[in-house]
Amino acid sequence: MAADNSTGDLHAPGTLLSVTDIIVIAVYFALNLAVGIWSACRAGRNTVSGYFLAGRDMTWWPIGASLFASSEGSGLFIGLAGSGAAGGLAVAGFEWNATYVLLALAWVFVPIYISSEIVTLPEYIQKRFGGQRIRMYLSVLSLLLSVFTKISIDLYAGALFVHICLGWNFYLSTILTLAITAVYTIAGGLATVIYTDALQTVIMVVGAVILAVKAFNQIGGYEQLEAAYAQAVPSRTIPNTTCHLPRADAMHMFRDPSTGDLPWTGMTFGLTIMATWYWCTDQVIVQRSLSARNLNHAKAGSILASYLKMLPMGLMIMPGMISRALFPGRLGSAATPSVAGHPRL
């Protein structure tokens, strides 16, 4: 029998939502707006420090939650589950690598940034090396990287969710998602962003825990996952290839340096360099830590984020693997997302 290679319309709206589903989604958006407006009203926006660094008065728990949420956008949430379904556990290395680099942020980098009395990383580069041109170059480069590697992906994933669930026009969904975010972000500055990030973290973790518990309960526990995953061959395949077959090393975190898709050498050494760039020198991340009321709160925030970065293995990646085992007929090679080249490490 010939393999069915069609993947269908990936953007086609799915099953109509129930009234309860619509209420939950409406409450979610309303809660985000409420937290955004509340934090915007109480934020001190009259100074540069007040707007861009939340007045340097943030406590540890919203900082840690915001550090986590800033890296775990909708694109990464979906991508980790998809990469888990496609290749197994090793993609968790992107998350676990951050656990110790975050500690370097608070104990090594933030004290230097604070002593330099900076507001942005391009400002630090100017103070460190001199010259206005290098500051402008880094500002433009950071902005372009953020737009093309993070914001665009998160907007696409969020708008795709709204489009599929509610059946709204995809471009209208994109504009609405962008507009809602812009309303409280521009109005409230960093304080608003951090508090809404904290809310997103709570919703994300609670939702992921519920999903993981139900997924493991349905498959029969962790003991059954390896056997079920090994047998999860999709109904849609590409002839004369083996890419549709589950990887033999799917349950291994450290993979062969020659034949592994994520070799342990690169994941251990190369990824650490890239993770240090992102977690310790990226404006989006460092700005959260610089908003701390003192160094102790910055350190505690990094510790909280470090613990939270351990969760995606069990809350996102394994449920993705379970989805492949439970629904192999819906898995197609061309439709499987991946974060193997994900720039936010």
Foldseek 3Di string as FASTA:
>chain_A
DDFDADQPDPLAADDADDPVVVVVVVVLLVVLLVLLVVLLVPFDPPDPCRFLQSVLADFQLLLLLLLQLQLCFLLNLQFLLLALQQAAQQVLLLLLLLLVLLLCQLPPQLVVVVVVVDRFLLVVVCVVPNDDVSSVVVVVVLVVCCVPQPVVSRLQSQLSVCCRHVVDDSVVSSVVVVVSVCVSCVSRHPSSSSSSSNVVSVVLVVVLVVLLVVLCVVQPHPVRLVVLLQPLAASHADPPDCSRGHDPCNHPNADDQPPDPCHNVCSPPVSNVLQNCQCRRRRSNSSSLSSHNDSVRSSSSSNSNSVVSSPCSRRRSSSSSSCSSVCRHSDHPVPRRHCSVRSND
